[in-house]
């Protein structure tokens, strides 16, 4: 396993027990929580998800240098207020390394 694959695997493992919670800065709109399961495939973690509003989808997590790129695709829309959170190629910056 390459260093990049190891890092993706570690990131995917670190996200597994977490329950992502998203919210607009001003507090308006839906605030979905999500759960899911996935696996590491090459240099990416691929997963399925379901949020607390009943939306479902698929996603990937890729490393891009020091950044992490997350893509979320909605498969079933139960609450369209959450769609603003589910996009392709969301670049996340690391805020610190352990």
C-alpha atoms as a PDB file:
ATOM      1  CA  UNK A   1       0.000   0.000   0.000  1.00  0.00           C
ATOM      2  CA  UNK A   2       1.417   3.362  -1.027  1.00  0.00           C
ATOM      3  CA  UNK A   3       1.684   6.284   1.352  1.00  0.00           C
ATOM      4  CA  UNK A   4      -1.264   8.011  -0.388  1.00  0.00           C
ATOM      5  CA  UNK A   5      -3.395   4.859  -0.125  1.00  0.00           C
ATOM      6  CA  UNK A   6      -2.468   4.538   3.546  1.00  0.00           C
ATOM      7  CA  UNK A   7      -3.476   8.171   4.165  1.00  0.00           C
ATOM      8  CA  UNK A   8      -6.832   7.696   2.384  1.00  0.00           C
ATOM      9  CA  UNK A   9      -7.433   4.515   4.369  1.00  0.00           C
ATOM     10  CA  UNK A  10      -6.604   6.317   7.620  1.00  0.00           C
ATOM     11  CA  UNK A  11      -8.881   9.240   6.722  1.00  0.00           C
ATOM     12  CA  UNK A  12     -11.716   6.880   5.808  1.00  0.00           C
ATOM     13  CA  UNK A  13     -11.233   4.961   9.051  1.00  0.00           C
ATOM     14  CA  UNK A  14     -11.170   8.201  11.036  1.00  0.00           C
ATOM     15  CA  UNK A  15     -14.449   9.302   9.416  1.00  0.00           C
ATOM     16  CA  UNK A  16     -16.202   5.966   9.959  1.00  0.00           C
ATOM     17  CA  UNK A  17     -17.245   6.510  13.595  1.00  0.00           C
ATOM     18  CA  UNK A  18     -18.004  10.183  13.054  1.00  0.00           C
ATOM     19  CA  UNK A  19     -21.444  11.500  12.317  1.00  0.00           C
ATOM     20  CA  UNK A  20     -20.943  14.532  10.080  1.00  0.00           C
ATOM     21  CA  UNK A  21     -23.241  17.413  11.012  1.00  0.00           C
ATOM     22  CA  UNK A  22     -23.609  20.353   8.652  1.00  0.00           C
ATOM     23  CA  UNK A  23     -25.287  23.693   9.161  1.00  0.00           C
ATOM     24  CA  UNK A  24     -25.405  27.114   7.537  1.00  0.00           C
ATOM     25  CA  UNK A  25     -23.398  29.753   9.423  1.00  0.00           C
ATOM     26  CA  UNK A  26     -26.522  31.807  10.114  1.00  0.00           C
ATOM     27  CA  UNK A  27     -28.484  28.758  11.311  1.00  0.00           C
ATOM     28  CA  UNK A  28     -31.172  28.774   8.614  1.00  0.00           C
ATOM     29  CA  UNK A  29     -32.405  25.695   6.790  1.00  0.00           C
ATOM     30  CA  UNK A  30     -32.019  22.000   7.452  1.00  0.00           C
ATOM     31  CA  UNK A  31     -29.203  20.618   9.618  1.00  0.00           C
ATOM     32  CA  UNK A  32     -28.712  17.016   8.494  1.00  0.00           C
ATOM     33  CA  UNK A  33     -26.641  14.397  10.309  1.00  0.00           C
ATOM     34  CA  UNK A  34     -25.351  11.524   8.200  1.00  0.00           C
ATOM     35  CA  UNK A  35     -24.193   7.950   8.608  1.00  0.00           C
ATOM     36  CA  UNK A  36     -22.697   5.593   6.083  1.00  0.00           C
ATOM     37  CA  UNK A  37     -20.324   2.804   5.235  1.00  0.00           C
ATOM     38  CA  UNK A  38     -17.545   2.524   2.725  1.00  0.00           C
ATOM     39  CA  UNK A  39     -14.258   1.061   1.627  1.00  0.00           C
ATOM     40  CA  UNK A  40     -10.892   2.160   0.339  1.00  0.00           C
ATOM     41  CA  UNK A  41     -10.384   1.467  -3.360  1.00  0.00           C
ATOM     42  CA  UNK A  42      -6.974   2.526  -4.658  1.00  0.00           C
ATOM     43  CA  UNK A  43      -6.342   6.145  -3.704  1.00  0.00           C
ATOM     44  CA  UNK A  44      -9.939   6.939  -2.771  1.00  0.00           C
ATOM     45  CA  UNK A  45     -12.444   6.047  -0.104  1.00  0.00           C
ATOM     46  CA  UNK A  46     -15.870   5.311  -1.574  1.00  0.00           C
ATOM     47  CA  UNK A  47     -19.005   5.222   0.557  1.00  0.00           C
ATOM     48  CA  UNK A  48     -22.772   5.350   0.690  1.00  0.00           C
ATOM     49  CA  UNK A  49     -24.605   7.674   3.071  1.00  0.00           C
ATOM     50  CA  UNK A  50     -28.025   8.407   4.514  1.00  0.00           C
ATOM     51  CA  UNK A  51     -28.843  11.622   6.318  1.00  0.00           C
ATOM     52  CA  UNK A  52     -31.297  12.322   9.113  1.00  0.00           C
ATOM     53  CA  UNK A  53     -33.757  13.884   6.649  1.00  0.00           C
ATOM     54  CA  UNK A  54     -34.035  10.675   4.576  1.00  0.00           C
ATOM     55  CA  UNK A  55     -31.770  11.684   1.682  1.00  0.00           C
ATOM     56  CA  UNK A  56     -29.356   9.001   0.439  1.00  0.00           C
ATOM     57  CA  UNK A  57     -26.357   9.000  -1.840  1.00  0.00           C
ATOM     58  CA  UNK A  58     -22.804   8.003  -2.635  1.00  0.00           C
ATOM     59  CA  UNK A  59     -19.521   9.760  -2.092  1.00  0.00           C
ATOM     60  CA  UNK A  60     -15.765   9.707  -2.421  1.00  0.00           C
ATOM     61  CA  UNK A  61     -12.878  11.068  -0.380  1.00  0.00           C
ATOM     62  CA  UNK A  62      -9.619  11.730  -2.232  1.00  0.00           C
ATOM     63  CA  UNK A  63      -6.321  13.208  -1.136  1.00  0.00           C
ATOM     64  CA  UNK A  64      -4.980  16.124  -3.180  1.00  0.00           C
ATOM     65  CA  UNK A  65      -1.635  17.117  -1.734  1.00  0.00           C
ATOM     66  CA  UNK A  66      -2.360  18.483   1.730  1.00  0.00           C
ATOM     67  CA  UNK A  67      -6.047  18.896   0.925  1.00  0.00           C
ATOM     68  CA  UNK A  68      -8.909  16.423   1.082  1.00  0.00           C
ATOM     69  CA  UNK A  69     -11.473  16.449  -1.728  1.00  0.00           C
ATOM     70  CA  UNK A  70     -14.960  15.181  -0.922  1.00  0.00           C
ATOM     71  CA  UNK A  71     -17.659  14.538  -3.529  1.00  0.00           C
ATOM     72  CA  UNK A  72     -21.243  13.727  -2.560  1.00  0.00           C
ATOM     73  CA  UNK A  73     -23.876  12.620  -5.065  1.00  0.00           C
ATOM     74  CA  UNK A  74     -27.515  12.428  -4.038  1.00  0.00           C
ATOM     75  CA  UNK A  75     -29.339   9.268  -5.168  1.00  0.00           C
ATOM     76  CA  UNK A  76     -32.687   9.809  -3.413  1.00  0.00           C
ATOM     77  CA  UNK A  77     -33.982  13.237  -2.361  1.00  0.00           C
ATOM     78  CA  UNK A  78     -36.449  13.237   0.534  1.00  0.00           C
ATOM     79  CA  UNK A  79     -35.770  16.803   1.738  1.00  0.00           C
ATOM     80  CA  UNK A  80     -34.438  19.223  -0.908  1.00  0.00           C
ATOM     81  CA  UNK A  81     -33.371  21.764   1.761  1.00  0.00           C
ATOM     82  CA  UNK A  82     -30.254  19.609   2.309  1.00  0.00           C
ATOM     83  CA  UNK A  83     -29.091  19.630  -1.318  1.00  0.00           C
ATOM     84  CA  UNK A  84     -26.889  22.684  -0.780  1.00  0.00           C
ATOM     85  CA  UNK A  85     -24.535  20.499   1.280  1.00  0.00           C
ATOM     86  CA  UNK A  86     -24.108  17.714  -1.303  1.00  0.00           C
ATOM     87  CA  UNK A  87     -21.737  18.734  -4.109  1.00  0.00           C
ATOM     88  CA  UNK A  88     -18.816  17.483  -6.151  1.00  0.00           C
ATOM     89  CA  UNK A  89     -15.178  18.361  -5.501  1.00  0.00           C
ATOM     90  CA  UNK A  90     -15.478  20.121  -2.151  1.00  0.00           C
ATOM     91  CA  UNK A  91     -11.900  20.914  -1.179  1.00  0.00           C
ATOM     92  CA  UNK A  92     -11.284  20.735   2.563  1.00  0.00           C
ATOM     93  CA  UNK A  93      -8.167  22.216   4.129  1.00  0.00           C
ATOM     94  CA  UNK A  94      -6.457  20.455   6.988  1.00  0.00           C
ATOM     95  CA  UNK A  95      -6.463  22.546  10.135  1.00  0.00           C
ATOM     96  CA  UNK A  96      -3.751  20.568  11.863  1.00  0.00           C
ATOM     97  CA  UNK A  97      -1.891  17.299  11.828  1.00  0.00           C
ATOM     98  CA  UNK A  98      -1.745  14.835  14.687  1.00  0.00           C
END
